[in-house]
Amino acid sequence: MDYRKYLTKRNLAAVVVLIAALTGLVFQQKLVSGASWMAGTQNLLVEDDRFSSEADRAQGTQRVANDTAVIAEQTAGNNGSKFWMQESYSREIGNLSRMEYRVTQKNGTEPPFSNELYDEKRPGIYVDVVSGAPLFSSKHKFDSGTGWPSFYKPLEPQNIIERKDPGPLGDRVEIATKHSKSHLGHLFENPNTPTGLRYCMNSAALEFIPASNLSERGYGTYAPMFEQE
């Protein structure tokens, strides 16, 4: 077949325009990626060794369960209420709102800037809306400008787990709760925080407990953290 008849000026011009457009898209993507980095929304590089083996996870879960049970028993003794360790959370899940269920059970994402806790500035802790496990503290919260509650580290690292979240643009690091296995949000790099990390959480996955209510809600162990505030 003679392809020379297709090499007209018009066709060549169209090819040049197409190449220029594709080049522009690549450049734009790099700009967006750079802006995301500065905003603290850059995805972590997910490597397989970041996630424990099944045996390690099982052992770690048992160790965490034992440690958490001790803390729960102590807190229950101090505050007269049980804590977050349960065999089943079916009743709690059944009482979730539509948005809470979509986020925690279906790995959904709530709208930014129009959620309950992104602009919460009072001292206190943030617990799992399903299990009640303490997860984050206002002391580690910061304004990321993204419209979602953001923390640079968890209050109780043993109460959360990291899971690989595959996507069309690459894998992300999902953050979920250790006990109820509820979806919370994702973990990103952020060079502007003390840890270099940003835990981007959904308000719908969290319940905020003000410092003044910690003891009566069964979280008196954490009250001394806020006595100077």
C-alpha atoms as a PDB file:
ATOM      1  CA  MET A   1       0.000   0.000   0.000  1.00  0.00           C
ATOM      2  CA  ASP A   2       1.294   3.439  -0.888  1.00  0.00           C
ATOM      3  CA  TYR A   3       1.099   5.602   2.249  1.00  0.00           C
ATOM      4  CA  ARG A   4       2.542   8.676   0.565  1.00  0.00           C
ATOM      5  CA  LYS A   5      -0.888   9.822  -0.585  1.00  0.00           C
ATOM      6  CA  TYR A   6      -1.900  10.179   3.079  1.00  0.00           C
ATOM      7  CA  LEU A   7       1.048  12.426   3.910  1.00  0.00           C
ATOM      8  CA  THR A   8      -0.689  15.635   2.948  1.00  0.00           C
ATOM      9  CA  LYS A   9      -0.007  18.984   4.586  1.00  0.00           C
ATOM     10  CA  ARG A  10      -3.387  18.811   6.291  1.00  0.00           C
ATOM     11  CA  ASN A  11      -2.699  15.387   7.770  1.00  0.00           C
ATOM     12  CA  LEU A  12       0.783  16.361   8.876  1.00  0.00           C
ATOM     13  CA  ALA A  13      -0.617  19.465  10.543  1.00  0.00           C
ATOM     14  CA  ALA A  14      -3.188  17.338  12.386  1.00  0.00           C
ATOM     15  CA  VAL A  15      -0.457  15.003  13.624  1.00  0.00           C
ATOM     16  CA  VAL A  16       1.601  17.958  14.863  1.00  0.00           C
ATOM     17  CA  VAL A  17      -1.416  19.369  16.708  1.00  0.00           C
ATOM     18  CA  LEU A  18      -2.114  15.975  18.297  1.00  0.00           C
ATOM     19  CA  ILE A  19       1.487  15.604  19.476  1.00  0.00           C
ATOM     20  CA  ALA A  20       1.437  19.122  20.903  1.00  0.00           C
ATOM     21  CA  ALA A  21      -1.817  18.408  22.734  1.00  0.00           C
ATOM     22  CA  LEU A  22      -0.461  15.201  24.255  1.00  0.00           C
ATOM     23  CA  THR A  23       2.728  16.979  25.305  1.00  0.00           C
ATOM     24  CA  GLY A  24       0.637  19.674  26.946  1.00  0.00           C
ATOM     25  CA  LEU A  25      -1.366  17.097  28.884  1.00  0.00           C
ATOM     26  CA  VAL A  26       1.803  15.477  30.196  1.00  0.00           C
ATOM     27  CA  PHE A  27       3.183  18.847  31.258  1.00  0.00           C
ATOM     28  CA  GLN A  28      -0.112  19.757  32.909  1.00  0.00           C
ATOM     29  CA  GLN A  29      -0.094  16.473  34.819  1.00  0.00           C
ATOM     30  CA  LYS A  30       3.391  17.256  36.111  1.00  0.00           C
ATOM     31  CA  LEU A  31       2.227  20.680  37.245  1.00  0.00           C
ATOM     32  CA  VAL A  32      -0.766  19.154  39.028  1.00  0.00           C
ATOM     33  CA  SER A  33       1.483  16.580  40.656  1.00  0.00           C
ATOM     34  CA  GLY A  34       3.800  19.319  41.874  1.00  0.00           C
ATOM     35  CA  ALA A  35       0.907  21.346  43.223  1.00  0.00           C
ATOM     36  CA  SER A  36      -0.428  18.258  44.968  1.00  0.00           C
ATOM     37  CA  TRP A  37       2.940  17.732  46.614  1.00  0.00           C
ATOM     38  CA  MET A  38       2.997  21.273  47.979  1.00  0.00           C
ATOM     39  CA  ALA A  39      -0.580  20.884  49.211  1.00  0.00           C
ATOM     40  CA  GLY A  40       0.304  17.654  50.961  1.00  0.00           C
ATOM     41  CA  THR A  41      -1.781  15.405  48.740  1.00  0.00           C
ATOM     42  CA  GLN A  42       1.012  13.425  47.129  1.00  0.00           C
ATOM     43  CA  ASN A  43       0.380   9.697  47.214  1.00  0.00           C
ATOM     44  CA  LEU A  44       2.849   7.610  49.169  1.00  0.00           C
ATOM     45  CA  LEU A  45       4.958   5.256  47.126  1.00  0.00           C
ATOM     46  CA  VAL A  46       3.342   1.949  47.971  1.00  0.00           C
ATOM     47  CA  GLU A  47       5.760  -0.920  48.304  1.00  0.00           C
ATOM     48  CA  ASP A  48       4.821  -4.487  49.146  1.00  0.00           C
ATOM     49  CA  ASP A  49       7.085  -4.585  52.191  1.00  0.00           C
ATOM     50  CA  ARG A  50       5.104  -1.695  53.664  1.00  0.00           C
ATOM     51  CA  PHE A  51       2.346  -4.146  54.477  1.00  0.00           C
ATOM     52  CA  SER A  52       2.884  -6.985  56.923  1.00  0.00           C
ATOM     53  CA  SER A  53       2.440 -10.628  56.054  1.00  0.00           C
ATOM     54  CA  GLU A  54      -0.748 -12.348  57.160  1.00  0.00           C
ATOM     55  CA  ALA A  55       1.133 -14.074  59.996  1.00  0.00           C
ATOM     56  CA  ASP A  56       2.629 -10.793  61.187  1.00  0.00           C
ATOM     57  CA  ARG A  57      -0.744  -9.089  61.007  1.00  0.00           C
ATOM     58  CA  ALA A  58      -2.383 -11.885  62.981  1.00  0.00           C
ATOM     59  CA  GLN A  59       0.317 -11.747  65.638  1.00  0.00           C
ATOM     60  CA  GLY A  60       0.171  -7.980  65.767  1.00  0.00           C
ATOM     61  CA  THR A  61      -3.611  -8.004  65.994  1.00  0.00           C
ATOM     62  CA  GLN A  62      -3.480 -10.367  68.969  1.00  0.00           C
ATOM     63  CA  ARG A  63      -0.823  -8.248  70.678  1.00  0.00           C
ATOM     64  CA  VAL A  64      -2.827  -5.091  70.075  1.00  0.00           C
ATOM     65  CA  ALA A  65      -5.983  -6.796  71.292  1.00  0.00           C
ATOM     66  CA  ASN A  66      -4.260  -7.762  74.531  1.00  0.00           C
ATOM     67  CA  ASP A  67      -2.804  -4.288  75.051  1.00  0.00           C
ATOM     68  CA  THR A  68      -6.074  -2.612  74.182  1.00  0.00           C
ATOM     69  CA  ALA A  69      -8.010  -4.884  76.517  1.00  0.00           C
ATOM     70  CA  VAL A  70      -5.753  -3.815  79.387  1.00  0.00           C
ATOM     71  CA  ILE A  71      -6.247  -0.137  78.569  1.00  0.00           C
ATOM     72  CA  ALA A  72      -9.974  -0.703  78.188  1.00  0.00           C
ATOM     73  CA  GLU A  73     -10.173  -2.422  81.566  1.00  0.00           C
ATOM     74  CA  GLN A  74      -8.233   0.392  83.216  1.00  0.00           C
ATOM     75  CA  THR A  75     -10.361   3.039  81.577  1.00  0.00           C
ATOM     76  CA  ALA A  76     -13.562   1.223  82.430  1.00  0.00           C
ATOM     77  CA  GLY A  77     -12.432   1.100  86.031  1.00  0.00           C
ATOM     78  CA  ASN A  78     -11.650   4.810  86.054  1.00  0.00           C
ATOM     79  CA  ASN A  79     -14.757   5.946  84.224  1.00  0.00           C
ATOM     80  CA  GLY A  80     -17.377   3.285  84.881  1.00  0.00           C
ATOM     81  CA  SER A  81     -17.966   2.481  81.200  1.00  0.00           C
ATOM     82  CA  LYS A  82     -16.834  -0.175  78.771  1.00  0.00           C
ATOM     83  CA  PHE A  83     -14.528   0.606  75.899  1.00  0.00           C
ATOM     84  CA  TRP A  84     -14.246  -0.394  72.250  1.00  0.00           C
ATOM     85  CA  MET A  85     -13.383  -4.112  72.240  1.00  0.00           C
ATOM     86  CA  GLN A  86     -16.285  -6.157  70.886  1.00  0.00           C
ATOM     87  CA  GLU A  87     -16.696  -9.350  68.905  1.00  0.00           C
ATOM     88  CA  SER A  88     -19.256  -7.785  66.583  1.00  0.00           C
ATOM     89  CA  TYR A  89     -20.226  -4.252  65.603  1.00  0.00           C
ATOM     90  CA  SER A  90     -23.396  -5.132  63.689  1.00  0.00           C
ATOM     91  CA  ARG A  91     -25.599  -3.048  65.984  1.00  0.00           C
ATOM     92  CA  GLU A  92     -23.335  -0.001  65.690  1.00  0.00           C
ATOM     93  CA  ILE A  93     -23.130  -0.383  61.919  1.00  0.00           C
ATOM     94  CA  GLY A  94     -26.911  -0.631  61.743  1.00  0.00           C
ATOM     95  CA  ASN A  95     -27.212   2.733  63.518  1.00  0.00           C
ATOM     96  CA  LEU A  96     -24.930   4.601  61.105  1.00  0.00           C
ATOM     97  CA  SER A  97     -26.259   7.424  58.973  1.00  0.00           C
ATOM     98  CA  ARG A  98     -26.307   6.973  55.210  1.00  0.00           C
ATOM     99  CA  MET A  99     -23.079   8.957  54.779  1.00  0.00           C
ATOM    100  CA  GLU A 100     -21.351   7.201  57.692  1.00  0.00           C
ATOM    101  CA  TYR A 101     -22.239   3.825  56.214  1.00  0.00           C
ATOM    102  CA  ARG A 102     -21.105   4.773  52.706  1.00  0.00           C
ATOM    103  CA  VAL A 103     -17.752   6.026  53.984  1.00  0.00           C
ATOM    104  CA  THR A 104     -16.912   3.393  56.599  1.00  0.00           C
ATOM    105  CA  GLN A 105     -18.402   0.278  55.006  1.00  0.00           C
ATOM    106  CA  LYS A 106     -18.183   1.069  51.270  1.00  0.00           C
ATOM    107  CA  ASN A 107     -14.882   2.993  51.225  1.00  0.00           C
ATOM    108  CA  GLY A 108     -16.635   6.177  50.168  1.00  0.00           C
ATOM    109  CA  THR A 109     -15.353   9.750  50.373  1.00  0.00           C
ATOM    110  CA  GLU A 110     -17.414  12.619  51.738  1.00  0.00           C
ATOM    111  CA  PRO A 111     -17.453  16.070  50.068  1.00  0.00           C
ATOM    112  CA  PRO A 112     -14.649  18.421  51.177  1.00  0.00           C
ATOM    113  CA  PHE A 113     -15.365  21.602  53.164  1.00  0.00           C
ATOM    114  CA  SER A 114     -18.996  20.631  53.790  1.00  0.00           C
ATOM    115  CA  ASN A 115     -18.357  17.985  56.426  1.00  0.00           C
ATOM    116  CA  GLU A 116     -18.669  18.310  60.180  1.00  0.00           C
ATOM    117  CA  LEU A 117     -15.116  18.071  61.488  1.00  0.00           C
ATOM    118  CA  TYR A 118     -12.690  19.548  58.962  1.00  0.00           C
ATOM    119  CA  ASP A 119     -12.846  22.939  60.717  1.00  0.00           C
ATOM    120  CA  GLU A 120     -13.222  21.618  64.292  1.00  0.00           C
ATOM    121  CA  LYS A 121     -10.698  23.458  66.477  1.00  0.00           C
ATOM    122  CA  ARG A 122     -11.688  22.492  70.028  1.00  0.00           C
ATOM    123  CA  PRO A 123      -9.320  20.341  72.115  1.00  0.00           C
ATOM    124  CA  GLY A 124     -10.253  16.692  72.289  1.00  0.00           C
ATOM    125  CA  ILE A 125      -9.848  13.340  70.606  1.00  0.00           C
ATOM    126  CA  TYR A 126     -11.320  11.696  67.529  1.00  0.00           C
ATOM    127  CA  VAL A 127     -12.634   8.149  67.821  1.00  0.00           C
ATOM    128  CA  ASP A 128     -13.932   5.539  65.402  1.00  0.00           C
ATOM    129  CA  VAL A 129     -17.621   6.229  64.762  1.00  0.00           C
ATOM    130  CA  VAL A 130     -18.272   2.467  64.740  1.00  0.00           C
ATOM    131  CA  SER A 131     -16.158   0.976  67.525  1.00  0.00           C
ATOM    132  CA  GLY A 132     -15.309   4.054  69.570  1.00  0.00           C
ATOM    133  CA  ALA A 133     -11.585   3.273  69.492  1.00  0.00           C
ATOM    134  CA  PRO A 134      -9.451   6.402  70.041  1.00  0.00           C
ATOM    135  CA  LEU A 135      -7.623   7.306  66.843  1.00  0.00           C
ATOM    136  CA  PHE A 136      -6.467  10.932  66.657  1.00  0.00           C
ATOM    137  CA  SER A 137      -5.957  13.997  68.845  1.00  0.00           C
ATOM    138  CA  SER A 138      -6.594  17.683  68.241  1.00  0.00           C
ATOM    139  CA  LYS A 139      -2.956  18.205  69.255  1.00  0.00           C
ATOM    140  CA  HIS A 140      -1.867  16.578  66.006  1.00  0.00           C
ATOM    141  CA  LYS A 141      -4.500  18.130  63.751  1.00  0.00           C
ATOM    142  CA  PHE A 142      -3.648  20.814  61.205  1.00  0.00           C
ATOM    143  CA  ASP A 143      -5.311  22.790  58.431  1.00  0.00           C
ATOM    144  CA  SER A 144      -4.224  21.118  55.207  1.00  0.00           C
ATOM    145  CA  GLY A 145      -6.448  23.303  53.046  1.00  0.00           C
ATOM    146  CA  THR A 146      -8.049  20.209  51.521  1.00  0.00           C
ATOM    147  CA  GLY A 147     -11.410  20.366  53.297  1.00  0.00           C
ATOM    148  CA  TRP A 148     -11.005  17.108  55.218  1.00  0.00           C
ATOM    149  CA  PRO A 149      -9.803  16.542  58.814  1.00  0.00           C
ATOM    150  CA  SER A 150      -6.032  16.106  58.597  1.00  0.00           C
ATOM    151  CA  PHE A 151      -3.562  14.849  61.191  1.00  0.00           C
ATOM    152  CA  TYR A 152       0.191  14.392  61.024  1.00  0.00           C
ATOM    153  CA  LYS A 153       0.153  11.333  63.283  1.00  0.00           C
ATOM    154  CA  PRO A 154      -2.357   9.086  65.069  1.00  0.00           C
ATOM    155  CA  LEU A 155      -3.049   9.247  68.787  1.00  0.00           C
ATOM    156  CA  GLU A 156      -3.044   5.451  69.056  1.00  0.00           C
ATOM    157  CA  PRO A 157      -1.155   3.880  66.108  1.00  0.00           C
ATOM    158  CA  GLN A 158      -2.099   0.389  67.280  1.00  0.00           C
ATOM    159  CA  ASN A 159      -5.763   1.156  66.617  1.00  0.00           C
ATOM    160  CA  ILE A 160      -5.326   1.700  62.876  1.00  0.00           C
ATOM    161  CA  ILE A 161      -4.166  -0.454  59.986  1.00  0.00           C
ATOM    162  CA  GLU A 162      -2.803   0.340  56.538  1.00  0.00           C
ATOM    163  CA  ARG A 163      -4.222  -1.393  53.473  1.00  0.00           C
ATOM    164  CA  LYS A 164      -3.179  -1.212  49.844  1.00  0.00           C
ATOM    165  CA  ASP A 165      -5.835   0.605  47.804  1.00  0.00           C
ATOM    166  CA  PRO A 166      -5.329  -0.138  44.075  1.00  0.00           C
ATOM    167  CA  GLY A 167      -6.541   2.487  41.623  1.00  0.00           C
ATOM    168  CA  PRO A 168      -6.263   3.488  37.954  1.00  0.00           C
ATOM    169  CA  LEU A 169      -3.531   6.012  38.781  1.00  0.00           C
ATOM    170  CA  GLY A 170      -1.596   3.689  41.071  1.00  0.00           C
ATOM    171  CA  ASP A 171      -1.848   2.249  44.558  1.00  0.00           C
ATOM    172  CA  ARG A 172      -2.673   4.389  47.571  1.00  0.00           C
ATOM    173  CA  VAL A 173      -2.367   3.688  51.292  1.00  0.00           C
ATOM    174  CA  GLU A 174      -5.784   3.298  52.857  1.00  0.00           C
ATOM    175  CA  ILE A 175      -6.228   3.872  56.590  1.00  0.00           C
ATOM    176  CA  ALA A 176      -8.783   1.697  58.394  1.00  0.00           C
ATOM    177  CA  THR A 177      -9.584   0.834  61.995  1.00  0.00           C
ATOM    178  CA  LYS A 178      -7.962  -2.181  63.597  1.00  0.00           C
ATOM    179  CA  HIS A 179     -11.051  -3.451  65.397  1.00  0.00           C
ATOM    180  CA  SER A 180     -14.107  -2.646  63.279  1.00  0.00           C
ATOM    181  CA  LYS A 181     -12.138  -2.648  59.992  1.00  0.00           C
ATOM    182  CA  SER A 182     -13.944   0.553  58.991  1.00  0.00           C
ATOM    183  CA  HIS A 183     -12.555   2.752  56.234  1.00  0.00           C
ATOM    184  CA  LEU A 184     -11.245   6.073  57.554  1.00  0.00           C
ATOM    185  CA  GLY A 185      -9.373   7.733  54.692  1.00  0.00           C
ATOM    186  CA  HIS A 186      -5.902   7.704  53.148  1.00  0.00           C
ATOM    187  CA  LEU A 187      -2.305   8.452  54.058  1.00  0.00           C
ATOM    188  CA  PHE A 188      -0.306  10.966  52.014  1.00  0.00           C
ATOM    189  CA  GLU A 189       3.118  12.514  52.097  1.00  0.00           C
ATOM    190  CA  ASN A 190       3.323  16.125  53.263  1.00  0.00           C
ATOM    191  CA  PRO A 191       6.717  17.813  53.590  1.00  0.00           C
ATOM    192  CA  ASN A 192       5.222  20.572  55.750  1.00  0.00           C
ATOM    193  CA  THR A 193       4.343  18.430  58.784  1.00  0.00           C
ATOM    194  CA  PRO A 194       6.604  17.221  61.632  1.00  0.00           C
ATOM    195  CA  THR A 195       6.280  13.626  60.429  1.00  0.00           C
ATOM    196  CA  GLY A 196       6.223  14.281  56.695  1.00  0.00           C
ATOM    197  CA  LEU A 197       2.799  12.624  56.572  1.00  0.00           C
ATOM    198  CA  ARG A 198      -0.843  13.613  56.359  1.00  0.00           C
ATOM    199  CA  TYR A 199      -3.626  11.336  57.534  1.00  0.00           C
ATOM    200  CA  CYS A 200      -6.569  12.529  55.434  1.00  0.00           C
ATOM    201  CA  MET A 201      -9.685  11.337  57.245  1.00  0.00           C
ATOM    202  CA  ASN A 202     -13.410  11.489  56.585  1.00  0.00           C
ATOM    203  CA  SER A 203     -15.505  13.296  59.194  1.00  0.00           C
ATOM    204  CA  ALA A 204     -18.200  10.673  58.720  1.00  0.00           C
ATOM    205  CA  ALA A 205     -15.802   7.996  59.975  1.00  0.00           C
ATOM    206  CA  LEU A 206     -14.981   9.887  63.171  1.00  0.00           C
ATOM    207  CA  GLU A 207     -16.686  11.087  66.315  1.00  0.00           C
ATOM    208  CA  PHE A 208     -15.188  14.061  68.119  1.00  0.00           C
ATOM    209  CA  ILE A 209     -15.048  13.867  71.921  1.00  0.00           C
ATOM    210  CA  PRO A 210     -14.349  17.299  73.489  1.00  0.00           C
ATOM    211  CA  ALA A 211     -11.705  17.349  76.209  1.00  0.00           C
ATOM    212  CA  SER A 212     -14.329  18.426  78.742  1.00  0.00           C
ATOM    213  CA  ASN A 213     -16.349  15.252  78.072  1.00  0.00           C
ATOM    214  CA  LEU A 214     -13.570  12.672  78.010  1.00  0.00           C
ATOM    215  CA  SER A 215     -14.099  11.270  81.494  1.00  0.00           C
ATOM    216  CA  GLU A 216     -17.860  10.955  81.252  1.00  0.00           C
ATOM    217  CA  ARG A 217     -17.565   9.253  77.853  1.00  0.00           C
ATOM    218  CA  GLY A 218     -15.058   6.682  79.125  1.00  0.00           C
ATOM    219  CA  TYR A 219     -11.868   8.261  77.798  1.00  0.00           C
ATOM    220  CA  GLY A 220     -10.558   9.713  81.050  1.00  0.00           C
ATOM    221  CA  THR A 221      -7.109   8.264  80.354  1.00  0.00           C
ATOM    222  CA  TYR A 222      -6.603  11.041  77.793  1.00  0.00           C
ATOM    223  CA  ALA A 223      -7.908  13.918  79.916  1.00  0.00           C
ATOM    224  CA  PRO A 224      -4.463  14.889  81.328  1.00  0.00           C
ATOM    225  CA  MET A 225      -3.299  15.664  77.791  1.00  0.00           C
ATOM    226  CA  PHE A 226      -5.539  18.714  77.750  1.00  0.00           C
ATOM    227  CA  GLU A 227      -5.334  19.982  81.330  1.00  0.00           C
ATOM    228  CA  GLN A 228      -3.107  22.905  80.341  1.00  0.00           C
ATOM    229  CA  GLU A 229      -5.476  24.049  77.586  1.00  0.00           C
END
